Amino acid sequence: METSITQKIWHTYTNFIGKINYLLFLSLAFSLALPYHAMRFLWIAWLISWGLEFRFLSLKNIRIQKSLIPVLILGVYFLWQALSYFWATDQILANKTLNRQISFIIIPFIALFGVNKNYNTKQISLCFIIGVFLTTLWYLSVSLFMDNYPTIIRSKAYIPLKTDTFERTFIFFFCKIKHRFFFATAAILASVVLAYSFKNLKEKIGSLYTWIFSFVFFSSTIYTIFLSGSRASILTYLLIAFIFVCSYFIRKKRWFLLGFVFILTCCSFFIFYTYHPRMENITIEKIKNADVTENDREPRFAIWNTAIKHIDEYILTGKGVGNSISFLKEKLKENDYPKSFYNANFHSHNQYIEILMESGIIGLLLFLAIIFSFIKYSNQENKKLAFYLVLVFLINSLSDTIIRPLEGVILFSFVSLYLFFSNKEKEEI
């Protein structure tokens, strides 16, 4: 009798905490384009709730699948970074970075022991899409209706604006949105997910409403990314759209439309390069000559040039996790850059260079192995989805450090789990 009561209590508890755990993951999916603090809170709460399910106490929960390989490599990547702590120049900085990236060692255990039966990737996809869509409308309303475009486009969203109380409050929350690069990255990822959820959405709300929603979503998202001023994200969106549409027309053998898309894409790149306000500093001369002045507003070329020039000092083992900024600062001083330039504590603005500086060639190879294994070990139905999601990270990693800040770690972790859950569902059907 006592055993029966204990079993009922345990069953009630696991059902309750399981539902809470899943609702937190749906909320997290919804929050990926929202302000950073909400995203961080939901991520931590979700990790805690998974632990409270105590799934790791039973070996019966373990499911060995090939889709597990990418997240296992993610764990190995973290361990190699943790090992670099011991030869890091500044171990305090190393410790801070490892704390931010602790999710990378937790995720393999979550994937290994699985999640509860409530998880449904169709619902997760929908929450992600709706969260991005509502944030996009929020972004647009601030940018357009409040005549705040010049402020946002030139990275000055924190300038106090003379508005009434309501508008001030509205803009205050807008300013809490993560760095435009991460907002735009989440928006592009959601666009890919929507493209692959199109058939499911048609079954739920009908063909007409799906087409209307998709048109509004893609139009507003493209416009918002353009307004955000994230150059890398604009280029990524154009390239992803070009590859996606081209692959469709090639499959259908519609060569005339393929040629039209190619011309349209070339024109879009030209218009973007010629007329976008944040492209004014990108010139061929600037790329060839990486020297900077006190008022330089595009430091990337100088940073990359400095990092590559000193590649022999870190290529084998790196300078230690979290130490790329201090290493760059030291080299910028040696190269006699303006004081205001190296005092800005610039990071590398390139994920590949940063990993190479911090973890050496082994760290970089592990990171690339994670990325490409998502495609390799996805089942046939998910390979294209994995390809496009991975492509977003691959391209955006060229001009910024996606997994350096916590919001980037969470976004990368979410996509990793999303692909794993999706593959797991397909394998169990």
Protein backbone atom coordinates (compact mmCIF):
# COMPACT_ATOMS: atom_id res chain seq x y z
CA MET A 1 0.00 0.00 0.00
CA GLU A 2 2.78 2.40 0.98
CA THR A 3 4.64 1.54 -2.20
CA SER A 4 1.53 2.26 -4.23
CA ILE A 5 1.09 5.71 -2.60
CA THR A 6 4.77 6.47 -3.12
CA GLN A 7 4.49 5.48 -6.79
CA LYS A 8 1.42 7.69 -7.25
CA ILE A 9 3.18 10.66 -5.66
CA TRP A 10 6.26 10.08 -7.81
CA HIS A 11 4.12 9.68 -10.95
CA THR A 12 2.23 12.93 -10.17
CA TYR A 13 5.49 14.75 -9.50
CA THR A 14 7.19 13.57 -12.71
CA ASN A 15 4.12 14.46 -14.80
CA PHE A 16 3.95 17.93 -13.25
CA ILE A 17 7.66 18.74 -13.52
CA GLY A 18 7.73 17.23 -17.03
CA LYS A 19 5.02 19.62 -18.21
CA ILE A 20 6.76 22.56 -16.52
CA ASN A 21 10.01 21.56 -18.21
CA TYR A 22 8.39 21.45 -21.65
CA LEU A 23 6.52 24.74 -21.15
CA LEU A 24 9.83 26.38 -20.19
CA PHE A 25 11.42 25.08 -23.40
CA LEU A 26 8.52 26.45 -25.45
CA SER A 27 8.91 29.78 -23.64
CA LEU A 28 12.63 29.70 -24.37
CA ALA A 29 11.93 29.11 -28.08
CA PHE A 30 9.54 32.07 -27.99
CA SER A 31 12.16 34.27 -26.27
CA LEU A 32 15.12 33.75 -28.63
CA ALA A 33 14.64 37.15 -30.29
CA LEU A 34 13.45 38.90 -27.13
CA PRO A 35 15.59 40.87 -24.63
CA TYR A 36 18.62 39.03 -23.33
CA HIS A 37 17.59 38.84 -19.65
CA ALA A 38 14.32 37.01 -20.39
CA MET A 39 16.19 34.55 -22.59
CA ARG A 40 18.84 33.87 -19.93
CA PHE A 41 16.28 33.40 -17.14
CA LEU A 42 14.22 30.90 -19.17
CA TRP A 43 17.34 28.98 -20.25
CA ILE A 44 18.57 28.55 -16.66
CA ALA A 45 15.07 27.69 -15.40
CA TRP A 46 14.73 25.07 -18.14
CA LEU A 47 18.10 23.48 -17.27
CA ILE A 48 17.12 23.33 -13.58
CA SER A 49 13.70 21.81 -14.36
CA TRP A 50 15.34 19.12 -16.52
CA GLY A 51 17.58 18.26 -13.56
CA LEU A 52 14.51 18.08 -11.27
CA GLU A 53 13.04 15.37 -13.49
CA PHE A 54 15.93 13.11 -12.35
CA ARG A 55 16.00 11.34 -15.71
CA PHE A 56 19.76 10.85 -15.28
CA LEU A 57 19.12 8.45 -12.35
CA SER A 58 17.82 5.76 -14.68
CA LEU A 59 19.97 4.09 -17.34
CA LYS A 60 16.73 3.09 -19.10
CA ASN A 61 16.44 6.68 -20.33
CA ILE A 62 19.65 6.46 -22.36
CA ARG A 63 19.09 6.35 -26.11
CA ILE A 64 22.19 5.88 -28.27
CA GLN A 65 21.49 7.36 -31.72
CA LYS A 66 23.69 8.69 -34.49
CA SER A 67 22.01 12.14 -34.10
CA LEU A 68 23.68 12.23 -30.65
CA ILE A 69 27.16 12.55 -32.20
CA PRO A 70 27.13 16.36 -32.86
CA VAL A 71 26.23 17.20 -29.25
CA LEU A 72 28.82 14.75 -27.95
CA ILE A 73 31.46 16.56 -30.02
CA LEU A 74 30.12 19.80 -28.49
CA GLY A 75 30.96 18.36 -25.07
CA VAL A 76 34.47 17.40 -26.24
CA TYR A 77 34.91 20.95 -27.59
CA PHE A 78 34.09 22.36 -24.15
CA LEU A 79 36.52 19.94 -22.47
CA TRP A 80 39.32 21.06 -24.79
CA GLN A 81 38.54 24.68 -23.96
CA ALA A 82 38.51 23.81 -20.26
CA LEU A 83 41.93 22.18 -20.69
CA SER A 84 43.27 25.41 -22.23
CA TYR A 85 42.47 27.10 -18.89
CA PHE A 86 45.72 25.68 -17.52
CA TRP A 87 47.93 27.53 -20.01
CA ALA A 88 45.74 30.64 -20.31
CA THR A 89 47.58 33.92 -19.84
CA ASP A 90 44.72 35.28 -17.72
CA GLN A 91 42.87 32.51 -15.88
CA ILE A 92 40.22 34.88 -14.52
CA LEU A 93 39.09 35.67 -18.09
CA ALA A 94 39.26 31.96 -18.92
CA ASN A 95 37.04 31.12 -15.96
CA LYS A 96 34.43 33.73 -17.00
CA THR A 97 34.25 32.31 -20.53
CA LEU A 98 33.92 28.73 -19.30
CA ASN A 99 31.08 29.79 -16.99
CA ARG A 100 29.27 31.36 -19.98
CA GLN A 101 29.74 28.22 -22.05
CA ILE A 102 28.91 25.66 -19.34
CA SER A 103 25.80 24.71 -21.38
CA PHE A 104 28.08 23.00 -23.89
CA ILE A 105 28.96 20.31 -21.34
CA ILE A 106 25.37 19.98 -20.04
CA ILE A 107 23.71 19.55 -23.45
CA PRO A 108 25.29 16.13 -24.20
CA PHE A 109 23.80 14.75 -20.95
CA ILE A 110 20.36 16.17 -21.81
CA ALA A 111 20.58 14.60 -25.27
CA LEU A 112 21.94 11.30 -23.88
CA PHE A 113 19.24 10.85 -21.22
CA GLY A 114 16.55 12.46 -23.37
CA VAL A 115 13.57 14.61 -22.49
CA ASN A 116 10.02 13.77 -21.46
CA LYS A 117 7.27 12.60 -23.81
CA ASN A 118 5.67 16.07 -24.03
CA TYR A 119 8.29 17.39 -26.47
CA ASN A 120 7.00 18.14 -29.96
CA THR A 121 9.24 19.88 -32.49
CA LYS A 122 6.26 21.22 -34.47
CA GLN A 123 5.09 23.14 -31.40
CA ILE A 124 8.65 24.25 -30.61
CA SER A 125 9.02 25.52 -34.20
CA LEU A 126 5.76 27.46 -33.96
CA CYS A 127 6.74 29.13 -30.66
CA PHE A 128 10.11 30.13 -32.13
CA ILE A 129 8.48 31.60 -35.26
CA ILE A 130 5.79 33.51 -33.33
CA GLY A 131 8.34 34.90 -30.84
CA VAL A 132 10.52 36.22 -33.66
CA PHE A 133 7.48 37.59 -35.50
CA LEU A 134 6.18 39.57 -32.50
CA THR A 135 9.65 40.92 -31.73
CA THR A 136 9.97 41.92 -35.39
CA LEU A 137 6.70 43.90 -35.19
CA TRP A 138 7.98 45.53 -32.01
CA TYR A 139 11.26 46.44 -33.71
CA LEU A 140 9.45 47.85 -36.75
CA SER A 141 7.05 49.94 -34.69
CA VAL A 142 9.94 51.59 -32.83
CA SER A 143 12.01 52.03 -35.99
CA LEU A 144 9.30 53.44 -38.22
CA PHE A 145 6.41 54.85 -36.23
CA MET A 146 8.65 56.70 -33.78
CA ASP A 147 11.03 58.01 -36.42
CA ASN A 148 13.93 56.33 -34.64
CA TYR A 149 15.59 54.81 -37.71
CA PRO A 150 18.70 57.08 -37.81
CA THR A 151 19.29 56.38 -34.11
CA ILE A 152 19.10 52.61 -34.53
CA ILE A 153 20.95 52.26 -37.82
CA ARG A 154 24.04 54.00 -36.44
CA SER A 155 24.26 51.93 -33.26
CA LYS A 156 22.94 54.68 -30.99
CA ALA A 157 19.76 53.13 -29.66
CA TYR A 158 20.62 54.24 -26.11
CA ILE A 159 20.52 57.96 -26.90
CA PRO A 160 17.74 59.53 -24.78
CA LEU A 161 14.80 60.57 -26.95
CA LYS A 162 12.41 63.39 -26.07
CA THR A 163 9.14 61.50 -26.02
CA ASP A 164 6.13 61.07 -23.75
CA THR A 165 6.05 58.48 -20.98
CA PHE A 166 4.47 55.71 -23.07
CA GLU A 167 6.96 56.07 -25.92
CA ARG A 168 9.87 56.31 -23.50
CA THR A 169 8.82 53.05 -21.85
CA PHE A 170 8.32 51.38 -25.22
CA ILE A 171 11.76 52.46 -26.44
CA PHE A 172 13.35 51.45 -23.12
CA PHE A 173 12.25 47.85 -23.69
CA PHE A 174 13.36 48.07 -27.29
CA CYS A 175 16.84 49.09 -26.16
CA LYS A 176 17.00 45.92 -24.08
CA ILE A 177 16.84 43.81 -27.24
CA LYS A 178 20.09 41.95 -27.73
CA HIS A 179 22.81 43.18 -30.06
CA ARG A 180 21.23 43.52 -33.52
CA PHE A 181 23.50 40.76 -34.86
CA PHE A 182 21.99 38.18 -32.50
CA PHE A 183 18.44 39.45 -33.03
CA ALA A 184 18.93 39.21 -36.80
CA THR A 185 20.55 35.76 -36.53
CA ALA A 186 17.52 34.48 -34.59
CA ALA A 187 15.23 36.05 -37.23
CA ILE A 188 17.05 34.28 -40.09
CA LEU A 189 16.97 30.95 -38.25
CA ALA A 190 13.22 31.38 -37.67
CA SER A 191 12.77 32.13 -41.38
CA VAL A 192 14.43 28.81 -42.22
CA VAL A 193 12.27 26.98 -39.69
CA LEU A 194 9.12 28.61 -41.12
CA ALA A 195 10.07 27.50 -44.64
CA TYR A 196 10.30 23.92 -43.38
CA SER A 197 7.16 24.20 -41.23
CA PHE A 198 5.07 25.52 -44.11
CA LYS A 199 3.28 22.21 -44.81
CA ASN A 200 2.52 21.66 -41.12
CA LEU A 201 1.18 25.21 -40.79
CA LYS A 202 -1.13 24.67 -43.78
CA GLU A 203 -2.62 21.67 -42.01
CA LYS A 204 -3.24 23.72 -38.88
CA ILE A 205 -4.62 27.03 -40.19
CA GLY A 206 -5.32 26.37 -43.86
CA SER A 207 -3.53 27.26 -47.07
CA LEU A 208 -4.75 30.86 -47.42
CA TYR A 209 -3.86 31.97 -43.87
CA THR A 210 -0.51 30.22 -44.11
CA TRP A 211 0.39 32.10 -47.29
CA ILE A 212 -0.75 35.41 -45.78
CA PHE A 213 1.17 34.83 -42.54
CA SER A 214 4.30 33.69 -44.40
CA PHE A 215 4.21 36.72 -46.70
CA VAL A 216 3.85 39.14 -43.76
CA PHE A 217 6.50 37.28 -41.75
CA PHE A 218 9.14 37.22 -44.49
CA SER A 219 8.42 40.82 -45.59
CA SER A 220 8.63 42.24 -42.07
CA THR A 221 11.64 40.10 -41.14
CA ILE A 222 13.64 41.12 -44.22
CA TYR A 223 12.78 44.78 -43.65
CA THR A 224 13.64 44.58 -39.94
CA ILE A 225 17.01 42.96 -40.61
CA PHE A 226 17.74 45.74 -43.09
CA LEU A 227 16.74 48.38 -40.51
CA SER A 228 18.77 46.67 -37.79
CA GLY A 229 21.94 47.50 -39.68
CA SER A 230 23.48 44.05 -39.23
CA ARG A 231 25.47 43.82 -42.46
CA ALA A 232 26.47 40.20 -41.95
CA SER A 233 22.85 39.19 -41.39
CA ILE A 234 21.65 41.01 -44.51
CA LEU A 235 24.23 39.18 -46.61
CA THR A 236 23.39 35.88 -44.91
CA TYR A 237 19.66 36.34 -45.56
CA LEU A 238 20.28 37.11 -49.24
CA LEU A 239 22.59 34.11 -49.67
CA ILE A 240 20.27 31.70 -47.83
CA ALA A 241 17.26 32.87 -49.87
CA PHE A 242 19.27 32.62 -53.11
CA ILE A 243 20.45 29.05 -52.42
CA PHE A 244 17.00 27.96 -51.23
CA VAL A 245 15.14 29.34 -54.27
CA CYS A 246 17.82 28.18 -56.72
CA SER A 247 17.72 24.62 -55.37
CA TYR A 248 13.93 24.60 -55.87
CA PHE A 249 14.11 25.86 -59.48
CA ILE A 250 16.97 23.49 -60.33
CA ARG A 251 14.92 20.59 -59.00
CA LYS A 252 11.94 21.74 -61.11
CA LYS A 253 14.24 22.51 -64.11
CA ARG A 254 12.90 26.05 -64.47
CA TRP A 255 15.99 27.66 -65.99
CA PHE A 256 14.39 30.98 -66.95
CA LEU A 257 13.24 31.60 -63.36
CA LEU A 258 16.65 30.49 -62.11
CA GLY A 259 18.32 33.15 -64.27
CA PHE A 260 15.83 35.77 -63.08
CA VAL A 261 16.58 34.93 -59.41
CA PHE A 262 20.32 35.20 -60.10
CA ILE A 263 19.93 38.69 -61.64
CA LEU A 264 17.60 39.79 -58.84
CA THR A 265 20.09 38.63 -56.19
CA CYS A 266 22.98 40.44 -57.90
CA CYS A 267 20.89 43.64 -57.99
CA SER A 268 20.02 43.21 -54.30
CA PHE A 269 23.70 42.90 -53.36
CA PHE A 270 24.51 45.98 -55.43
CA ILE A 271 21.71 48.06 -53.87
CA PHE A 272 22.72 46.94 -50.39
CA TYR A 273 26.41 47.79 -50.93
CA THR A 274 25.64 51.14 -52.60
CA TYR A 275 22.85 52.54 -50.45
CA HIS A 276 22.92 50.98 -46.99
CA PRO A 277 24.25 53.56 -44.45
CA ARG A 278 26.52 51.07 -42.67
CA MET A 279 28.33 50.10 -45.88
CA GLU A 280 29.90 53.55 -46.29
CA ASN A 281 33.14 52.42 -44.59
CA ILE A 282 33.56 49.24 -46.65
CA THR A 283 35.78 50.10 -49.61
CA ILE A 284 38.38 48.13 -51.55
CA GLU A 285 41.05 50.56 -50.33
CA LYS A 286 39.96 49.98 -46.74
CA ILE A 287 40.23 46.21 -47.17
CA LYS A 288 43.70 46.46 -48.74
CA ASN A 289 44.96 48.95 -46.16
CA ALA A 290 44.10 47.86 -42.62
CA ASP A 291 45.55 50.94 -40.89
CA VAL A 292 43.15 52.81 -38.63
CA THR A 293 42.71 56.34 -37.38
CA GLU A 294 41.27 57.71 -34.16
CA ASN A 295 37.82 57.94 -35.73
CA ASP A 296 37.80 54.59 -37.50
CA ARG A 297 34.28 53.13 -37.42
CA GLU A 298 35.12 49.77 -39.00
CA PRO A 299 37.81 48.01 -36.95
CA ARG A 300 37.34 44.49 -38.34
CA PHE A 301 39.97 44.67 -41.07
CA ALA A 302 42.65 45.91 -38.69
CA ILE A 303 41.72 43.27 -36.10
CA TRP A 304 41.80 40.42 -38.63
CA ASN A 305 45.06 41.68 -40.10
CA THR A 306 46.65 41.83 -36.63
CA ALA A 307 45.41 38.37 -35.66
CA ILE A 308 46.58 36.69 -38.86
CA LYS A 309 49.95 38.47 -38.71
CA HIS A 310 50.66 36.79 -35.35
CA ILE A 311 49.12 33.40 -36.13
CA ASP A 312 52.38 31.57 -35.34
CA GLU A 313 52.01 32.58 -31.67
CA TYR A 314 48.76 30.71 -31.07
CA ILE A 315 47.98 28.25 -33.86
CA LEU A 316 48.97 25.06 -31.97
CA THR A 317 47.29 25.36 -28.56
CA GLY A 318 45.92 28.89 -28.48
CA LYS A 319 46.37 31.53 -25.78
CA GLY A 320 43.72 30.00 -23.54
CA VAL A 321 39.93 30.22 -23.52
CA GLY A 322 38.68 33.79 -23.03
CA ASN A 323 42.09 35.34 -23.71
CA SER A 324 41.66 36.49 -27.32
CA ILE A 325 40.68 40.05 -26.36
CA SER A 326 43.74 40.59 -24.13
CA PHE A 327 45.98 39.00 -26.77
CA LEU A 328 44.58 41.30 -29.47
CA LYS A 329 44.97 44.35 -27.25
CA GLU A 330 48.62 43.51 -26.67
CA LYS A 331 49.29 43.08 -30.41
CA LEU A 332 47.42 46.24 -31.36
CA LYS A 333 49.68 48.15 -28.95
CA GLU A 334 52.75 46.56 -30.51
CA ASN A 335 51.50 47.61 -33.96
CA ASP A 336 51.17 51.25 -32.78
CA TYR A 337 47.44 51.59 -33.33
CA PRO A 338 45.75 54.66 -31.77
CA LYS A 339 45.27 54.44 -28.00
CA SER A 340 41.49 54.82 -28.30
CA PHE A 341 41.47 51.84 -30.66
CA TYR A 342 43.09 49.23 -28.43
CA ASN A 343 41.48 50.65 -25.27
CA ALA A 344 38.11 49.68 -26.76
CA ASN A 345 38.95 46.03 -25.94
CA PHE A 346 37.77 44.76 -29.31
CA HIS A 347 37.02 41.09 -29.70
CA SER A 348 37.99 39.35 -32.93
CA HIS A 349 34.66 39.81 -34.78
CA ASN A 350 35.28 36.41 -36.36
CA GLN A 351 34.34 33.16 -34.65
CA TYR A 352 36.96 31.09 -36.46
CA ILE A 353 39.82 33.46 -35.62
CA GLU A 354 38.68 33.72 -32.01
CA ILE A 355 38.57 29.94 -31.52
CA LEU A 356 41.97 29.62 -33.20
CA MET A 357 43.43 32.30 -30.90
CA GLU A 358 41.97 30.75 -27.76
CA SER A 359 41.97 26.99 -28.41
CA GLY A 360 44.38 26.51 -31.29
CA ILE A 361 43.88 24.35 -34.35
CA ILE A 362 42.35 21.48 -32.31
CA GLY A 363 39.63 23.78 -30.96
CA LEU A 364 38.84 25.08 -34.45
CA LEU A 365 38.68 21.56 -35.93
CA LEU A 366 36.33 20.47 -33.14
CA PHE A 367 34.05 23.46 -33.75
CA LEU A 368 33.92 22.72 -37.49
CA ALA A 369 33.28 19.04 -36.68
CA ILE A 370 30.25 20.07 -34.58
CA ILE A 371 28.88 22.22 -37.39
CA PHE A 372 29.26 19.69 -40.20
CA SER A 373 28.21 16.68 -38.11
CA PHE A 374 24.76 18.22 -37.72
CA ILE A 375 24.30 17.72 -41.46
CA LYS A 376 26.14 14.39 -41.63
CA TYR A 377 24.18 12.76 -38.80
CA SER A 378 20.74 14.19 -39.50
CA ASN A 379 18.28 11.76 -41.01
CA GLN A 380 17.30 12.17 -44.65
CA GLU A 381 14.18 14.25 -43.91
CA ASN A 382 16.13 16.74 -41.81
CA LYS A 383 19.34 17.07 -43.83
CA LYS A 384 18.21 20.16 -45.75
CA LEU A 385 16.88 21.82 -42.61
CA ALA A 386 20.18 21.11 -40.84
CA PHE A 387 22.10 22.40 -43.88
CA TYR A 388 20.36 25.80 -43.87
CA LEU A 389 20.50 26.24 -40.08
CA VAL A 390 24.21 25.37 -40.11
CA LEU A 391 24.80 27.69 -43.07
CA VAL A 392 23.46 30.64 -41.04
CA PHE A 393 26.07 30.00 -38.34
CA LEU A 394 28.85 29.35 -40.86
CA ILE A 395 28.33 32.63 -42.74
CA ASN A 396 27.60 34.82 -39.71
CA SER A 397 30.68 33.43 -37.94
CA LEU A 398 32.84 35.15 -40.57
CA SER A 399 32.10 38.65 -39.27
CA ASP A 400 31.23 38.18 -35.60
CA THR A 401 31.71 35.85 -32.65
CA ILE A 402 28.43 33.99 -32.32
CA ILE A 403 29.25 31.86 -29.27
CA ARG A 404 31.28 34.41 -27.29
CA PRO A 405 28.41 36.12 -25.37
CA LEU A 406 25.82 34.14 -23.40
CA GLU A 407 22.97 34.93 -25.82
CA GLY A 408 25.01 33.34 -28.60
CA VAL A 409 25.74 30.28 -26.46
CA ILE A 410 22.01 29.88 -25.74
CA LEU A 411 21.03 30.36 -29.39
CA PHE A 412 23.61 27.81 -30.58
CA SER A 413 22.62 25.39 -27.80
CA PHE A 414 18.93 25.72 -28.66
CA VAL A 415 19.50 24.97 -32.36
CA SER A 416 21.69 21.99 -31.42
CA LEU A 417 18.93 20.53 -29.25
CA TYR A 418 16.22 21.45 -31.76
CA LEU A 419 17.97 19.42 -34.47
CA PHE A 420 18.58 16.56 -32.06
CA PHE A 421 14.92 16.45 -30.94
CA SER A 422 13.74 16.62 -34.54
CA ASN A 423 15.96 13.71 -35.60
CA LYS A 424 14.96 11.72 -32.54
CA GLU A 425 11.27 12.13 -33.40
CA LYS A 426 11.83 10.95 -36.95
CA GLU A 427 13.81 7.90 -35.77
CA GLU A 428 11.06 6.85 -33.34
CA ILE A 429 8.22 7.09 -35.87
